[in-house]
Amino acid sequence: MRADEQLFVAPDNGALAWCSTATHIAIILLTNARYWLGEVSHTTRRDIFAPVAAHLARGVPLEELRGVSIGDPVRLDLPEPRVRGASSRARWCG
């Protein structure tokens, strides 16, 4: 995912929902095995996410990963965090 000028690699589980407030968002599914680590096991973070993140860090453009583009991502209605002193907590955390 590109959110404005930042790049993120994460599973499609809502982990990046907080980025949905970014002005410019580009999201792709990582389907180009050329950028993965050889044979993929159940450890997708090691075999897919880490190699893809390394390629992005080396300057490979997001578009070159040629994944399936997500044009209309689901945007979650997340609560605003509360700040108390030096700590913060989202309302849904208690």
PDB file of N, CA and C in Angstrom:
ATOM      1  N   MET A   1       0.838  -1.177   0.000  1.00  0.00           N
ATOM      2  CA  MET A   1       0.000   0.000   0.000  1.00  0.00           C
ATOM      3  C   MET A   1       0.884   1.241   0.000  1.00  0.00           C
ATOM      4  N   ARG A   2       0.519   2.192  -0.835  1.00  0.00           N
ATOM      5  CA  ARG A   2       1.141   3.510  -0.770  1.00  0.00           C
ATOM      6  C   ARG A   2       0.079   4.447  -0.214  1.00  0.00           C
ATOM      7  N   ALA A   3       0.393   5.090   0.888  1.00  0.00           N
ATOM      8  CA  ALA A   3      -0.489   6.089   1.486  1.00  0.00           C
ATOM      9  C   ALA A   3       0.286   7.399   1.478  1.00  0.00           C
ATOM     10  N   ASP A   4      -0.130   8.294   0.596  1.00  0.00           N
ATOM     11  CA  ASP A   4       0.627   9.507   0.316  1.00  0.00           C
ATOM     12  C   ASP A   4       2.031   9.090  -0.122  1.00  0.00           C
ATOM     13  N   GLU A   5       3.073   9.418   0.611  1.00  0.00           N
ATOM     14  CA  GLU A   5       4.442   9.076   0.199  1.00  0.00           C
ATOM     15  C   GLU A   5       5.008   7.884   0.965  1.00  0.00           C
ATOM     16  N   GLN A   6       4.234   7.254   1.832  1.00  0.00           N
ATOM     17  CA  GLN A   6       4.708   6.130   2.640  1.00  0.00           C
ATOM     18  C   GLN A   6       4.319   4.800   2.006  1.00  0.00           C
ATOM     19  N   LEU A   7       5.177   3.794   2.150  1.00  0.00           N
ATOM     20  CA  LEU A   7       4.892   2.449   1.645  1.00  0.00           C
ATOM     21  C   LEU A   7       4.726   1.496   2.824  1.00  0.00           C
ATOM     22  N   PHE A   8       3.750   0.586   2.707  1.00  0.00           N
ATOM     23  CA  PHE A   8       3.464  -0.387   3.749  1.00  0.00           C
ATOM     24  C   PHE A   8       3.260  -1.752   3.119  1.00  0.00           C
ATOM     25  N   VAL A   9       3.710  -2.799   3.801  1.00  0.00           N
ATOM     26  CA  VAL A   9       3.474  -4.181   3.376  1.00  0.00           C
ATOM     27  C   VAL A   9       2.812  -4.870   4.562  1.00  0.00           C
ATOM     28  N   ALA A  10       1.619  -5.395   4.343  1.00  0.00           N
ATOM     29  CA  ALA A  10       0.860  -6.013   5.442  1.00  0.00           C
ATOM     30  C   ALA A  10      -0.192  -6.950   4.879  1.00  0.00           C
ATOM     31  N   PRO A  11      -0.714  -7.848   5.723  1.00  0.00           N
ATOM     32  CA  PRO A  11      -1.791  -8.733   5.267  1.00  0.00           C
ATOM     33  C   PRO A  11      -3.086  -7.954   5.070  1.00  0.00           C
ATOM     34  N   ASP A  12      -4.001  -8.540   4.333  1.00  0.00           N
ATOM     35  CA  ASP A  12      -5.312  -7.922   4.091  1.00  0.00           C
ATOM     36  C   ASP A  12      -6.242  -8.278   5.244  1.00  0.00           C
ATOM     37  N   ASN A  13      -5.955  -7.696   6.422  1.00  0.00           N
ATOM     38  CA  ASN A  13      -6.731  -8.010   7.612  1.00  0.00           C
ATOM     39  C   ASN A  13      -7.170  -6.764   8.384  1.00  0.00           C
ATOM     40  N   GLY A  14      -7.064  -5.598   7.759  1.00  0.00           N
ATOM     41  CA  GLY A  14      -7.447  -4.362   8.422  1.00  0.00           C
ATOM     42  C   GLY A  14      -6.298  -3.675   9.134  1.00  0.00           C
ATOM     43  N   ALA A  15      -5.108  -4.268   9.128  1.00  0.00           N
ATOM     44  CA  ALA A  15      -3.968  -3.696   9.844  1.00  0.00           C
ATOM     45  C   ALA A  15      -3.619  -2.289   9.366  1.00  0.00           C
ATOM     46  N   LEU A  16      -3.900  -2.001   8.106  1.00  0.00           N
ATOM     47  CA  LEU A  16      -3.560  -0.678   7.566  1.00  0.00           C
ATOM     48  C   LEU A  16      -4.774   0.247   7.462  1.00  0.00           C
ATOM     49  N   ALA A  17      -5.840  -0.084   8.160  1.00  0.00           N
ATOM     50  CA  ALA A  17      -7.059   0.725   8.082  1.00  0.00           C
ATOM     51  C   ALA A  17      -6.820   2.166   8.519  1.00  0.00           C
ATOM     52  N   TRP A  18      -5.906   2.366   9.434  1.00  0.00           N
ATOM     53  CA  TRP A  18      -5.627   3.722   9.903  1.00  0.00           C
ATOM     54  C   TRP A  18      -5.034   4.595   8.807  1.00  0.00           C
ATOM     55  N   CYS A  19      -4.505   3.999   7.749  1.00  0.00           N
ATOM     56  CA  CYS A  19      -3.959   4.757   6.622  1.00  0.00           C
ATOM     57  C   CYS A  19      -5.057   5.286   5.706  1.00  0.00           C
ATOM     58  N   SER A  20      -6.285   4.885   5.931  1.00  0.00           N
ATOM     59  CA  SER A  20      -7.361   5.247   5.006  1.00  0.00           C
ATOM     60  C   SER A  20      -7.648   6.741   4.993  1.00  0.00           C
ATOM     61  N   THR A  21      -7.082   7.487   5.923  1.00  0.00           N
ATOM     62  CA  THR A  21      -7.275   8.933   5.922  1.00  0.00           C
ATOM     63  C   THR A  21      -6.273   9.638   5.018  1.00  0.00           C
ATOM     64  N   ALA A  22      -5.339   8.906   4.436  1.00  0.00           N
ATOM     65  CA  ALA A  22      -4.350   9.504   3.533  1.00  0.00           C
ATOM     66  C   ALA A  22      -5.049  10.061   2.298  1.00  0.00           C
ATOM     67  N   THR A  23      -4.465  11.066   1.706  1.00  0.00           N
ATOM     68  CA  THR A  23      -5.044  11.707   0.524  1.00  0.00           C
ATOM     69  C   THR A  23      -4.928  10.833  -0.712  1.00  0.00           C
ATOM     70  N   HIS A  24      -3.757  10.269  -0.945  1.00  0.00           N
ATOM     71  CA  HIS A  24      -3.515   9.435  -2.121  1.00  0.00           C
ATOM     72  C   HIS A  24      -3.182   8.021  -1.677  1.00  0.00           C
ATOM     73  N   ILE A  25      -4.021   7.066  -2.060  1.00  0.00           N
ATOM     74  CA  ILE A  25      -3.832   5.677  -1.668  1.00  0.00           C
ATOM     75  C   ILE A  25      -3.746   4.799  -2.913  1.00  0.00           C
ATOM     76  N   ALA A  26      -2.768   3.904  -2.924  1.00  0.00           N
ATOM     77  CA  ALA A  26      -2.664   2.877  -3.968  1.00  0.00           C
ATOM     78  C   ALA A  26      -2.449   1.556  -3.245  1.00  0.00           C
ATOM     79  N   ILE A  27      -3.292   0.578  -3.545  1.00  0.00           N
ATOM     80  CA  ILE A  27      -3.202  -0.721  -2.886  1.00  0.00           C
ATOM     81  C   ILE A  27      -3.130  -1.813  -3.944  1.00  0.00           C
ATOM     82  N   ILE A  28      -2.196  -2.741  -3.769  1.00  0.00           N
ATOM     83  CA  ILE A  28      -2.127  -3.892  -4.673  1.00  0.00           C
ATOM     84  C   ILE A  28      -2.023  -5.173  -3.846  1.00  0.00           C
ATOM     85  N   LEU A  29      -2.553  -6.251  -4.406  1.00  0.00           N
ATOM     86  CA  LEU A  29      -2.324  -7.573  -3.835  1.00  0.00           C
ATOM     87  C   LEU A  29      -0.994  -8.065  -4.376  1.00  0.00           C
ATOM     88  N   LEU A  30      -0.213  -8.689  -3.543  1.00  0.00           N
ATOM     89  CA  LEU A  30       1.120  -9.142  -3.944  1.00  0.00           C
ATOM     90  C   LEU A  30       1.017 -10.467  -4.687  1.00  0.00           C
ATOM     91  N   THR A  31       0.822 -10.404  -5.995  1.00  0.00           N
ATOM     92  CA  THR A  31       0.648 -11.604  -6.796  1.00  0.00           C
ATOM     93  C   THR A  31       1.835 -11.914  -7.703  1.00  0.00           C
ATOM     94  N   ASN A  32       2.824 -11.032  -7.764  1.00  0.00           N
ATOM     95  CA  ASN A  32       3.977 -11.242  -8.636  1.00  0.00           C
ATOM     96  C   ASN A  32       5.060 -12.014  -7.876  1.00  0.00           C
ATOM     97  N   ALA A  33       5.094 -13.321  -8.074  1.00  0.00           N
ATOM     98  CA  ALA A  33       6.011 -14.198  -7.341  1.00  0.00           C
ATOM     99  C   ALA A  33       7.486 -13.905  -7.631  1.00  0.00           C
ATOM    100  N   ARG A  34       7.765 -13.125  -8.643  1.00  0.00           N
ATOM    101  CA  ARG A  34       9.158 -12.768  -8.953  1.00  0.00           C
ATOM    102  C   ARG A  34       9.828 -12.073  -7.766  1.00  0.00           C
ATOM    103  N   TYR A  35       9.042 -11.396  -6.944  1.00  0.00           N
ATOM    104  CA  TYR A  35       9.581 -10.631  -5.818  1.00  0.00           C
ATOM    105  C   TYR A  35       9.456 -11.374  -4.490  1.00  0.00           C
ATOM    106  N   TRP A  36       9.066 -12.647  -4.529  1.00  0.00           N
ATOM    107  CA  TRP A  36       8.934 -13.439  -3.314  1.00  0.00           C
ATOM    108  C   TRP A  36      10.196 -14.249  -3.084  1.00  0.00           C
ATOM    109  N   LEU A  37      10.267 -14.902  -1.954  1.00  0.00           N
ATOM    110  CA  LEU A  37      11.382 -15.764  -1.618  1.00  0.00           C
ATOM    111  C   LEU A  37      11.078 -17.166  -2.104  1.00  0.00           C
ATOM    112  N   GLY A  38      11.615 -17.542  -3.237  1.00  0.00           N
ATOM    113  CA  GLY A  38      11.485 -18.897  -3.776  1.00  0.00           C
ATOM    114  C   GLY A  38      10.179 -19.599  -3.478  1.00  0.00           C
ATOM    115  N   GLU A  39      10.268 -20.714  -2.765  1.00  0.00           N
ATOM    116  CA  GLU A  39       9.099 -21.507  -2.416  1.00  0.00           C
ATOM    117  C   GLU A  39       8.421 -20.902  -1.184  1.00  0.00           C
ATOM    118  N   VAL A  40       7.116 -20.683  -1.283  1.00  0.00           N
ATOM    119  CA  VAL A  40       6.372 -20.026  -0.208  1.00  0.00           C
ATOM    120  C   VAL A  40       5.743 -21.071   0.705  1.00  0.00           C
ATOM    121  N   SER A  41       5.995 -20.929   2.004  1.00  0.00           N
ATOM    122  CA  SER A  41       5.387 -21.810   2.991  1.00  0.00           C
ATOM    123  C   SER A  41       4.212 -21.071   3.640  1.00  0.00           C
ATOM    124  N   HIS A  42       3.753 -21.555   4.763  1.00  0.00           N
ATOM    125  CA  HIS A  42       2.671 -20.874   5.490  1.00  0.00           C
ATOM    126  C   HIS A  42       3.163 -19.602   6.169  1.00  0.00           C
ATOM    127  N   THR A  43       4.458 -19.358   6.142  1.00  0.00           N
ATOM    128  CA  THR A  43       5.039 -18.173   6.784  1.00  0.00           C
ATOM    129  C   THR A  43       5.128 -17.036   5.768  1.00  0.00           C
ATOM    130  N   THR A  44       3.974 -16.440   5.441  1.00  0.00           N
ATOM    131  CA  THR A  44       3.943 -15.406   4.399  1.00  0.00           C
ATOM    132  C   THR A  44       4.750 -14.172   4.772  1.00  0.00           C
ATOM    133  N   ARG A  45       4.877 -13.880   6.065  1.00  0.00           N
ATOM    134  CA  ARG A  45       5.652 -12.700   6.446  1.00  0.00           C
ATOM    135  C   ARG A  45       7.110 -12.862   6.030  1.00  0.00           C
ATOM    136  N   ARG A  46       7.634 -14.051   6.164  1.00  0.00           N
ATOM    137  CA  ARG A  46       9.025 -14.301   5.790  1.00  0.00           C
ATOM    138  C   ARG A  46       9.179 -14.489   4.293  1.00  0.00           C
ATOM    139  N   ASP A  47       8.276 -15.223   3.679  1.00  0.00           N
ATOM    140  CA  ASP A  47       8.443 -15.634   2.288  1.00  0.00           C
ATOM    141  C   ASP A  47       7.910 -14.636   1.263  1.00  0.00           C
ATOM    142  N   ILE A  48       6.978 -13.796   1.663  1.00  0.00           N
ATOM    143  CA  ILE A  48       6.416 -12.808   0.731  1.00  0.00           C
ATOM    144  C   ILE A  48       6.641 -11.391   1.231  1.00  0.00           C
ATOM    145  N   PHE A  49       6.164 -11.073   2.428  1.00  0.00           N
ATOM    146  CA  PHE A  49       6.211  -9.687   2.902  1.00  0.00           C
ATOM    147  C   PHE A  49       7.634  -9.148   3.054  1.00  0.00           C
ATOM    148  N   ALA A  50       8.522  -9.907   3.681  1.00  0.00           N
ATOM    149  CA  ALA A  50       9.892  -9.419   3.894  1.00  0.00           C
ATOM    150  C   ALA A  50      10.631  -9.190   2.573  1.00  0.00           C
ATOM    151  N   PRO A  51      10.599 -10.146   1.627  1.00  0.00           N
ATOM    152  CA  PRO A  51      11.278  -9.880   0.357  1.00  0.00           C
ATOM    153  C   PRO A  51      10.672  -8.706  -0.412  1.00  0.00           C
ATOM    154  N   VAL A  52       9.344  -8.591  -0.419  1.00  0.00           N
ATOM    155  CA  VAL A  52       8.696  -7.472  -1.113  1.00  0.00           C
ATOM    156  C   VAL A  52       9.101  -6.151  -0.464  1.00  0.00           C
ATOM    157  N   ALA A  53       9.105  -6.100   0.872  1.00  0.00           N
ATOM    158  CA  ALA A  53       9.516  -4.878   1.570  1.00  0.00           C
ATOM    159  C   ALA A  53      10.963  -4.520   1.236  1.00  0.00           C
ATOM    160  N   ALA A  54      11.829  -5.530   1.146  1.00  0.00           N
ATOM    161  CA  ALA A  54      13.229  -5.280   0.792  1.00  0.00           C
ATOM    162  C   ALA A  54      13.345  -4.715  -0.621  1.00  0.00           C
ATOM    163  N   HIS A  55      12.591  -5.262  -1.563  1.00  0.00           N
ATOM    164  CA  HIS A  55      12.613  -4.735  -2.934  1.00  0.00           C
ATOM    165  C   HIS A  55      12.113  -3.294  -2.965  1.00  0.00           C
ATOM    166  N   LEU A  56      11.055  -3.010  -2.236  1.00  0.00           N
ATOM    167  CA  LEU A  56      10.545  -1.632  -2.187  1.00  0.00           C
ATOM    168  C   LEU A  56      11.577  -0.697  -1.566  1.00  0.00           C
ATOM    169  N   ALA A  57      12.249  -1.154  -0.511  1.00  0.00           N
ATOM    170  CA  ALA A  57      13.279  -0.341   0.146  1.00  0.00           C
ATOM    171  C   ALA A  57      14.462  -0.070  -0.785  1.00  0.00           C
ATOM    172  N   ARG A  58      14.716  -0.993  -1.709  1.00  0.00           N
ATOM    173  CA  ARG A  58      15.809  -0.805  -2.678  1.00  0.00           C
ATOM    174  C   ARG A  58      15.390   0.062  -3.850  1.00  0.00           C
ATOM    175  N   GLY A  59      14.113   0.478  -3.875  1.00  0.00           N
ATOM    176  CA  GLY A  59      13.677   1.400  -4.911  1.00  0.00           C
ATOM    177  C   GLY A  59      12.802   0.811  -5.997  1.00  0.00           C
ATOM    178  N   VAL A  60      12.428  -0.468  -5.895  1.00  0.00           N
ATOM    179  CA  VAL A  60      11.518  -1.048  -6.891  1.00  0.00           C
ATOM    180  C   VAL A  60      10.168  -0.341  -6.753  1.00  0.00           C
ATOM    181  N   PRO A  61       9.644   0.233  -7.813  1.00  0.00           N
ATOM    182  CA  PRO A  61       8.359   0.936  -7.727  1.00  0.00           C
ATOM    183  C   PRO A  61       7.212  -0.029  -7.402  1.00  0.00           C
ATOM    184  N   LEU A  62       6.273   0.422  -6.624  1.00  0.00           N
ATOM    185  CA  LEU A  62       5.104  -0.383  -6.266  1.00  0.00           C
ATOM    186  C   LEU A  62       4.437  -0.956  -7.512  1.00  0.00           C
ATOM    187  N   GLU A  63       4.345  -0.156  -8.546  1.00  0.00           N
ATOM    188  CA  GLU A  63       3.686  -0.574  -9.783  1.00  0.00           C
ATOM    189  C   GLU A  63       4.405  -1.745 -10.461  1.00  0.00           C
ATOM    190  N   GLU A  64       5.722  -1.856 -10.242  1.00  0.00           N
ATOM    191  CA  GLU A  64       6.480  -2.935 -10.868  1.00  0.00           C
ATOM    192  C   GLU A  64       6.146  -4.293 -10.264  1.00  0.00           C
ATOM    193  N   LEU A  65       5.579  -4.296  -9.068  1.00  0.00           N
ATOM    194  CA  LEU A  65       5.189  -5.559  -8.445  1.00  0.00           C
ATOM    195  C   LEU A  65       4.028  -6.195  -9.201  1.00  0.00           C
ATOM    196  N   ARG A  66       3.368  -5.418 -10.058  1.00  0.00           N
ATOM    197  CA  ARG A  66       2.299  -5.870 -10.945  1.00  0.00           C
ATOM    198  C   ARG A  66       1.240  -6.712 -10.242  1.00  0.00           C
ATOM    199  N   GLY A  67       0.900  -6.329  -9.051  1.00  0.00           N
ATOM    200  CA  GLY A  67      -0.160  -7.026  -8.342  1.00  0.00           C
ATOM    201  C   GLY A  67      -1.522  -6.553  -8.805  1.00  0.00           C
ATOM    202  N   VAL A  68      -2.547  -7.229  -8.342  1.00  0.00           N
ATOM    203  CA  VAL A  68      -3.915  -6.844  -8.650  1.00  0.00           C
ATOM    204  C   VAL A  68      -4.229  -5.570  -7.871  1.00  0.00           C
ATOM    205  N   SER A  69      -4.659  -4.524  -8.550  1.00  0.00           N
ATOM    206  CA  SER A  69      -4.951  -3.247  -7.908  1.00  0.00           C
ATOM    207  C   SER A  69      -6.307  -3.303  -7.207  1.00  0.00           C
ATOM    208  N   ILE A  70      -6.359  -2.732  -6.013  1.00  0.00           N
ATOM    209  CA  ILE A  70      -7.601  -2.634  -5.244  1.00  0.00           C
ATOM    210  C   ILE A  70      -8.092  -1.201  -5.401  1.00  0.00           C
ATOM    211  N   GLY A  71      -9.152  -1.006  -6.176  1.00  0.00           N
ATOM    212  CA  GLY A  71      -9.620   0.334  -6.486  1.00  0.00           C
ATOM    213  C   GLY A  71     -10.560   0.942  -5.474  1.00  0.00           C
ATOM    214  N   ASP A  72     -11.256   0.129  -4.690  1.00  0.00           N
ATOM    215  CA  ASP A  72     -12.236   0.644  -3.745  1.00  0.00           C
ATOM    216  C   ASP A  72     -12.098  -0.094  -2.409  1.00  0.00           C
ATOM    217  N   PRO A  73     -11.050   0.232  -1.631  1.00  0.00           N
ATOM    218  CA  PRO A  73     -10.833  -0.502  -0.384  1.00  0.00           C
ATOM    219  C   PRO A  73     -11.934  -0.209   0.637  1.00  0.00           C
ATOM    220  N   VAL A  74     -12.198  -1.174   1.494  1.00  0.00           N
ATOM    221  CA  VAL A  74     -13.152  -0.985   2.582  1.00  0.00           C
ATOM    222  C   VAL A  74     -12.507  -0.073   3.606  1.00  0.00           C
ATOM    223  N   ARG A  75     -13.210   0.962   3.986  1.00  0.00           N
ATOM    224  CA  ARG A  75     -12.689   1.899   4.986  1.00  0.00           C
ATOM    225  C   ARG A  75     -13.425   1.665   6.295  1.00  0.00           C
ATOM    226  N   LEU A  76     -12.660   1.376   7.337  1.00  0.00           N
ATOM    227  CA  LEU A  76     -13.237   1.105   8.641  1.00  0.00           C
ATOM    228  C   LEU A  76     -13.442   2.397   9.411  1.00  0.00           C
ATOM    229  N   ASP A  77     -14.506   2.457  10.178  1.00  0.00           N
ATOM    230  CA  ASP A  77     -14.780   3.610  11.032  1.00  0.00           C
ATOM    231  C   ASP A  77     -14.080   3.371  12.364  1.00  0.00           C
ATOM    232  N   LEU A  78     -12.861   3.855  12.485  1.00  0.00           N
ATOM    233  CA  LEU A  78     -12.056   3.610  13.674  1.00  0.00           C
ATOM    234  C   LEU A  78     -12.218   4.736  14.683  1.00  0.00           C
ATOM    235  N   PRO A  79     -12.219   4.414  15.964  1.00  0.00           N
ATOM    236  CA  PRO A  79     -12.326   5.457  16.990  1.00  0.00           C
ATOM    237  C   PRO A  79     -11.038   6.264  17.094  1.00  0.00           C
ATOM    238  N   GLU A  80     -11.165   7.489  17.527  1.00  0.00           N
ATOM    239  CA  GLU A  80      -9.999   8.336  17.758  1.00  0.00           C
ATOM    240  C   GLU A  80      -9.327   7.901  19.061  1.00  0.00           C
ATOM    241  N   PRO A  81      -7.999   7.904  19.112  1.00  0.00           N
ATOM    242  CA  PRO A  81      -7.319   7.525  20.359  1.00  0.00           C
ATOM    243  C   PRO A  81      -7.444   8.626  21.415  1.00  0.00           C
ATOM    244  N   ARG A  82      -7.343   8.216  22.683  1.00  0.00           N
ATOM    245  CA  ARG A  82      -7.314   9.169  23.795  1.00  0.00           C
ATOM    246  C   ARG A  82      -5.862   9.313  24.234  1.00  0.00           C
ATOM    247  N   VAL A  83      -5.497  10.528  24.584  1.00  0.00           N
ATOM    248  CA  VAL A  83      -4.140  10.778  25.070  1.00  0.00           C
ATOM    249  C   VAL A  83      -4.237  11.201  26.529  1.00  0.00           C
ATOM    250  N   ARG A  84      -3.485  10.504  27.376  1.00  0.00           N
ATOM    251  CA  ARG A  84      -3.411  10.819  28.803  1.00  0.00           C
ATOM    252  C   ARG A  84      -1.945  10.857  29.190  1.00  0.00           C
ATOM    253  N   GLY A  85      -1.450  12.034  29.460  1.00  0.00           N
ATOM    254  CA  GLY A  85      -0.045  12.160  29.822  1.00  0.00           C
ATOM    255  C   GLY A  85       0.847  11.696  28.685  1.00  0.00           C
ATOM    256  N   ALA A  86       1.705  10.710  28.969  1.00  0.00           N
ATOM    257  CA  ALA A  86       2.648  10.219  27.975  1.00  0.00           C
ATOM    258  C   ALA A  86       2.143   8.966  27.255  1.00  0.00           C
ATOM    259  N   SER A  87       0.883   8.597  27.480  1.00  0.00           N
ATOM    260  CA  SER A  87       0.376   7.391  26.819  1.00  0.00           C
ATOM    261  C   SER A  87      -0.906   7.688  26.060  1.00  0.00           C
ATOM    262  N   SER A  88      -1.226   6.804  25.137  1.00  0.00           N
ATOM    263  CA  SER A  88      -2.467   6.947  24.379  1.00  0.00           C
ATOM    264  C   SER A  88      -3.135   5.589  24.302  1.00  0.00           C
ATOM    265  N   ARG A  89      -4.439   5.609  24.101  1.00  0.00           N
ATOM    266  CA  ARG A  89      -5.203   4.368  24.034  1.00  0.00           C
ATOM    267  C   ARG A  89      -6.444   4.620  23.184  1.00  0.00           C
ATOM    268  N   ALA A  90      -6.719   3.681  22.291  1.00  0.00           N
ATOM    269  CA  ALA A  90      -7.935   3.790  21.497  1.00  0.00           C
ATOM    270  C   ALA A  90      -9.124   3.494  22.400  1.00  0.00           C
ATOM    271  N   ARG A  91     -10.265   4.149  22.136  1.00  0.00           N
ATOM    272  CA  ARG A  91     -11.449   3.950  22.974  1.00  0.00           C
ATOM    273  C   ARG A  91     -11.873   2.498  23.057  1.00  0.00           C
ATOM    274  N   TRP A  92     -11.734   1.749  21.983  1.00  0.00           N
ATOM    275  CA  TRP A  92     -12.172   0.366  21.993  1.00  0.00           C
ATOM    276  C   TRP A  92     -11.238  -0.540  22.776  1.00  0.00           C
ATOM    277  N   CYS A  93     -10.100   0.006  23.246  1.00  0.00           N
ATOM    278  CA  CYS A  93      -9.175  -0.802  24.054  1.00  0.00           C
ATOM    279  C   CYS A  93      -9.521  -0.725  25.543  1.00  0.00           C
ATOM    280  N   GLY A  94     -10.435   0.106  25.925  1.00  0.00           N
ATOM    281  CA  GLY A  94     -10.832   0.162  27.334  1.00  0.00           C
ATOM    282  C   GLY A  94     -10.470   1.446  28.015  1.00  0.00           C
TER     283      GLY A  94
END
